[in-house]
Amino acid sequence: MQAVAEAERCLGSKTGQMKLSAVYSTFVKTFPWLAKIISFDLFADLVDEALENLAEILQGPVTKENVEEYLHMNTPEKENTE
């Protein structure tokens, strides 16, 4: 999210592809091992999905509880190992 916010601040509106490229560049520098298996196109799809999900969150009141509930709903459940 920090990379997205920074790209927005530096590049402004109407520069979606440039912002996406800047965020992907940050991703590659931060996670070089992961960038070997996640292509730019897949990364772009993941960003689009995340932005759609964020838009859903922002349609209602943004509260800590709403965000936590959303994150919990979209996180795979851990298996009980007991």
Protein backbone atom coordinates (compact mmCIF):
# COMPACT_ATOMS: atom_id res chain seq x y z
CA MET A 1 0.00 0.00 0.00
CA GLN A 2 2.87 2.34 0.72
CA ALA A 3 4.22 1.90 -2.80
CA VAL A 4 0.76 2.58 -4.25
CA ALA A 5 0.36 5.73 -2.16
CA GLU A 6 3.84 6.94 -3.13
CA ALA A 7 3.15 6.35 -6.82
CA GLU A 8 -0.13 8.25 -6.52
CA ARG A 9 1.60 11.14 -4.77
CA CYS A 10 4.43 11.37 -7.29
CA LEU A 11 2.57 10.66 -10.52
CA GLY A 12 -0.96 11.90 -9.83
CA SER A 13 -4.09 10.94 -11.70
CA LYS A 14 -4.47 9.66 -15.26
CA THR A 15 -1.16 7.76 -15.02
CA GLY A 16 -2.41 4.29 -14.10
CA GLN A 17 0.06 2.30 -16.18
CA MET A 18 3.02 4.38 -14.97
CA LYS A 19 1.89 3.97 -11.36
CA LEU A 20 1.47 0.23 -11.82
CA SER A 21 4.97 0.01 -13.30
CA ALA A 22 6.40 1.97 -10.37
CA VAL A 23 4.66 -0.30 -7.85
CA TYR A 24 5.82 -3.43 -9.69
CA SER A 25 9.38 -2.08 -9.67
CA THR A 26 9.15 -1.67 -5.89
CA PHE A 27 7.77 -5.20 -5.62
CA VAL A 28 10.67 -6.61 -7.69
CA LYS A 29 13.24 -4.80 -5.53
CA THR A 30 11.59 -5.86 -2.29
CA PHE A 31 10.80 -9.47 -3.24
CA PRO A 32 13.21 -10.50 -6.01
CA TRP A 33 12.66 -14.21 -5.39
CA LEU A 34 8.89 -13.84 -5.68
CA ALA A 35 9.16 -11.64 -8.76
CA LYS A 36 10.68 -14.63 -10.56
CA ILE A 37 7.34 -16.44 -10.40
CA ILE A 38 4.87 -13.53 -10.55
CA SER A 39 4.80 -11.88 -13.96
CA PHE A 40 3.91 -8.25 -14.49
CA ASP A 41 0.56 -9.32 -15.96
CA LEU A 42 -0.29 -11.48 -12.95
CA PHE A 43 0.83 -8.68 -10.62
CA ALA A 44 -1.44 -6.25 -12.51
CA ASP A 45 -4.38 -8.65 -12.10
CA LEU A 46 -3.69 -8.97 -8.36
CA VAL A 47 -3.52 -5.19 -7.99
CA ASP A 48 -6.81 -4.79 -9.88
CA GLU A 49 -8.47 -7.34 -7.61
CA ALA A 50 -7.10 -5.64 -4.50
CA LEU A 51 -8.35 -2.25 -5.70
CA GLU A 52 -11.82 -3.70 -6.36
CA ASN A 53 -11.84 -5.17 -2.86
CA LEU A 54 -10.73 -1.85 -1.40
CA ALA A 55 -13.56 -0.09 -3.24
CA GLU A 56 -16.01 -2.54 -1.61
CA ILE A 57 -14.62 -1.69 1.82
CA LEU A 58 -14.87 2.03 1.13
CA GLN A 59 -18.54 1.81 0.08
CA GLY A 60 -19.51 1.39 3.70
CA PRO A 61 -18.21 3.11 6.79
CA VAL A 62 -14.50 2.54 7.13
CA THR A 63 -13.90 1.27 10.62
CA LYS A 64 -11.23 -0.90 12.12
CA GLU A 65 -13.84 -3.60 12.69
CA ASN A 66 -15.03 -3.52 9.04
CA VAL A 67 -11.49 -3.79 7.71
CA GLU A 68 -10.60 -6.58 10.14
CA GLU A 69 -13.78 -8.47 9.22
CA TYR A 70 -13.04 -8.08 5.52
CA LEU A 71 -9.46 -9.26 5.96
CA HIS A 72 -10.59 -12.22 8.03
CA MET A 73 -13.16 -13.20 5.37
CA ASN A 74 -10.49 -13.13 2.66
CA THR A 75 -7.75 -14.97 4.54
CA PRO A 76 -7.53 -18.74 4.23
CA GLU A 77 -8.38 -20.42 7.51
CA LYS A 78 -5.50 -22.12 9.27
CA GLU A 79 -5.98 -25.79 9.90
CA ASN A 80 -6.36 -26.83 13.47
CA THR A 81 -3.24 -28.85 14.29
CA GLU A 82 -4.28 -29.86 17.80
